[in-house]
Amino acid sequence: RVMDRSHYYVMFDGGSWKIQCDGENSEPYARRHDAFKDAVALAHLDETNGRGAAVIVQGADEVFRPAWDSATDVYPPPLVPEL
């Protein structure tokens, strides 16, 4: 099923970064890199449990872009550059 995938959003929110998935928010992160790293780890765990996952990261222009996908990208991923 196409809908049986997790989507982890790394977003900037009120001075910090957070991970959002299925309406749930993570604790705040000071750096985008740390939030991305943890989001990919969570997505990879979903993949290991049979559910595909993707990580979508908010850029400096506030646009969300795909950054990692369990179906096509390696784990662990290469580092995302800091903003």
C-alpha atoms as a PDB file:
ATOM      1  CA  ARG A   1       0.000   0.000   0.000  1.00  0.00           C
ATOM      2  CA  VAL A   2       1.260   3.430  -0.916  1.00  0.00           C
ATOM      3  CA  MET A   3      -0.170   5.033   2.217  1.00  0.00           C
ATOM      4  CA  ASP A   4       1.662   2.588   4.484  1.00  0.00           C
ATOM      5  CA  ARG A   5       4.680   4.883   4.726  1.00  0.00           C
ATOM      6  CA  SER A   6       5.924   7.165   7.461  1.00  0.00           C
ATOM      7  CA  HIS A   7       6.780  10.777   6.678  1.00  0.00           C
ATOM      8  CA  TYR A   8       9.136  12.527   9.057  1.00  0.00           C
ATOM      9  CA  TYR A   9       9.186  16.318   8.697  1.00  0.00           C
ATOM     10  CA  VAL A  10      12.203  18.230  10.022  1.00  0.00           C
ATOM     11  CA  MET A  11      10.937  21.771  10.586  1.00  0.00           C
ATOM     12  CA  PHE A  12      11.960  25.023  12.198  1.00  0.00           C
ATOM     13  CA  ASP A  13       9.556  26.079  14.914  1.00  0.00           C
ATOM     14  CA  GLY A  14       9.931  29.080  17.184  1.00  0.00           C
ATOM     15  CA  GLY A  15      13.708  29.176  17.423  1.00  0.00           C
ATOM     16  CA  SER A  16      14.395  25.439  17.360  1.00  0.00           C
ATOM     17  CA  TRP A  17      14.102  22.417  15.088  1.00  0.00           C
ATOM     18  CA  LYS A  18      11.708  19.533  15.613  1.00  0.00           C
ATOM     19  CA  ILE A  19      10.677  16.271  13.971  1.00  0.00           C
ATOM     20  CA  GLN A  20       6.999  15.776  13.219  1.00  0.00           C
ATOM     21  CA  CYS A  21       5.445  12.447  12.230  1.00  0.00           C
ATOM     22  CA  ASP A  22       1.786  11.407  12.288  1.00  0.00           C
ATOM     23  CA  GLY A  23       0.903  14.619  14.115  1.00  0.00           C
ATOM     24  CA  GLU A  24       3.384  13.986  16.921  1.00  0.00           C
ATOM     25  CA  ASN A  25       6.251  16.394  17.635  1.00  0.00           C
ATOM     26  CA  SER A  26       9.691  15.572  18.980  1.00  0.00           C
ATOM     27  CA  GLU A  27      11.547  17.466  21.637  1.00  0.00           C
ATOM     28  CA  PRO A  28      13.235  20.613  20.279  1.00  0.00           C
ATOM     29  CA  TYR A  29      16.656  20.439  18.645  1.00  0.00           C
ATOM     30  CA  ALA A  30      19.132  23.327  18.518  1.00  0.00           C
ATOM     31  CA  ARG A  31      20.538  22.224  15.137  1.00  0.00           C
ATOM     32  CA  ARG A  32      18.888  21.039  11.933  1.00  0.00           C
ATOM     33  CA  HIS A  33      21.628  18.419  11.488  1.00  0.00           C
ATOM     34  CA  ASP A  34      20.770  16.719  14.785  1.00  0.00           C
ATOM     35  CA  ALA A  35      17.046  16.669  14.015  1.00  0.00           C
ATOM     36  CA  PHE A  36      17.727  15.261  10.527  1.00  0.00           C
ATOM     37  CA  LYS A  37      20.030  12.552  11.889  1.00  0.00           C
ATOM     38  CA  ASP A  38      17.423  11.404  14.407  1.00  0.00           C
ATOM     39  CA  ALA A  39      14.604  11.602  11.831  1.00  0.00           C
ATOM     40  CA  VAL A  40      16.552   9.324   9.478  1.00  0.00           C
ATOM     41  CA  ALA A  41      17.249   6.910  12.334  1.00  0.00           C
ATOM     42  CA  LEU A  42      13.501   6.760  13.091  1.00  0.00           C
ATOM     43  CA  ALA A  43      12.672   6.328   9.400  1.00  0.00           C
ATOM     44  CA  HIS A  44      15.256   3.560   9.098  1.00  0.00           C
ATOM     45  CA  LEU A  45      13.695   1.804  12.099  1.00  0.00           C
ATOM     46  CA  ASP A  46      10.320   1.937  10.339  1.00  0.00           C
ATOM     47  CA  GLU A  47      11.927   0.440   7.218  1.00  0.00           C
ATOM     48  CA  THR A  48      13.452  -2.351   9.315  1.00  0.00           C
ATOM     49  CA  ASN A  49       9.962  -3.087  10.640  1.00  0.00           C
ATOM     50  CA  GLY A  50       8.478  -3.317   7.147  1.00  0.00           C
ATOM     51  CA  ARG A  51       7.106   0.208   6.744  1.00  0.00           C
ATOM     52  CA  GLY A  52       8.746   2.492   4.201  1.00  0.00           C
ATOM     53  CA  ALA A  53       9.637   5.977   5.337  1.00  0.00           C
ATOM     54  CA  ALA A  54      10.783   9.327   4.053  1.00  0.00           C
ATOM     55  CA  VAL A  55      12.390  12.369   5.671  1.00  0.00           C
ATOM     56  CA  ILE A  56      11.368  15.802   4.392  1.00  0.00           C
ATOM     57  CA  VAL A  57      13.445  18.796   5.528  1.00  0.00           C
ATOM     58  CA  GLN A  58      12.466  22.462   5.673  1.00  0.00           C
ATOM     59  CA  GLY A  59      15.047  24.660   3.962  1.00  0.00           C
ATOM     60  CA  ALA A  60      16.161  28.223   4.673  1.00  0.00           C
ATOM     61  CA  ASP A  61      13.467  29.385   2.219  1.00  0.00           C
ATOM     62  CA  GLU A  62      10.841  27.556   4.353  1.00  0.00           C
ATOM     63  CA  VAL A  63      10.136  25.101   1.513  1.00  0.00           C
ATOM     64  CA  PHE A  64       9.986  21.404   2.430  1.00  0.00           C
ATOM     65  CA  ARG A  65      12.067  19.078   0.246  1.00  0.00           C
ATOM     66  CA  PRO A  66      12.647  15.320   0.313  1.00  0.00           C
ATOM     67  CA  ALA A  67      15.999  14.603   1.965  1.00  0.00           C
ATOM     68  CA  TRP A  68      16.056  10.834   2.577  1.00  0.00           C
ATOM     69  CA  ASP A  69      13.906   7.905   1.451  1.00  0.00           C
ATOM     70  CA  SER A  70      14.168   4.358   2.776  1.00  0.00           C
ATOM     71  CA  ALA A  71      13.427   2.947  -0.683  1.00  0.00           C
ATOM     72  CA  THR A  72      16.344   4.634  -2.445  1.00  0.00           C
ATOM     73  CA  ASP A  73      18.866   6.113   0.000  1.00  0.00           C
ATOM     74  CA  VAL A  74      21.658   4.547   2.012  1.00  0.00           C
ATOM     75  CA  TYR A  75      21.706   4.327   5.771  1.00  0.00           C
ATOM     76  CA  PRO A  76      23.346   6.053   7.494  1.00  0.00           C
ATOM     77  CA  PRO A  77      22.979   9.029   5.143  1.00  0.00           C
ATOM     78  CA  PRO A  78      25.684  11.503   4.228  1.00  0.00           C
ATOM     79  CA  LEU A  79      25.743  14.585   6.425  1.00  0.00           C
ATOM     80  CA  VAL A  80      23.363  17.401   5.586  1.00  0.00           C
ATOM     81  CA  PRO A  81      25.169  20.741   5.424  1.00  0.00           C
ATOM     82  CA  GLU A  82      24.356  23.245   8.139  1.00  0.00           C
ATOM     83  CA  LEU A  83      22.323  26.301   7.159  1.00  0.00           C
END
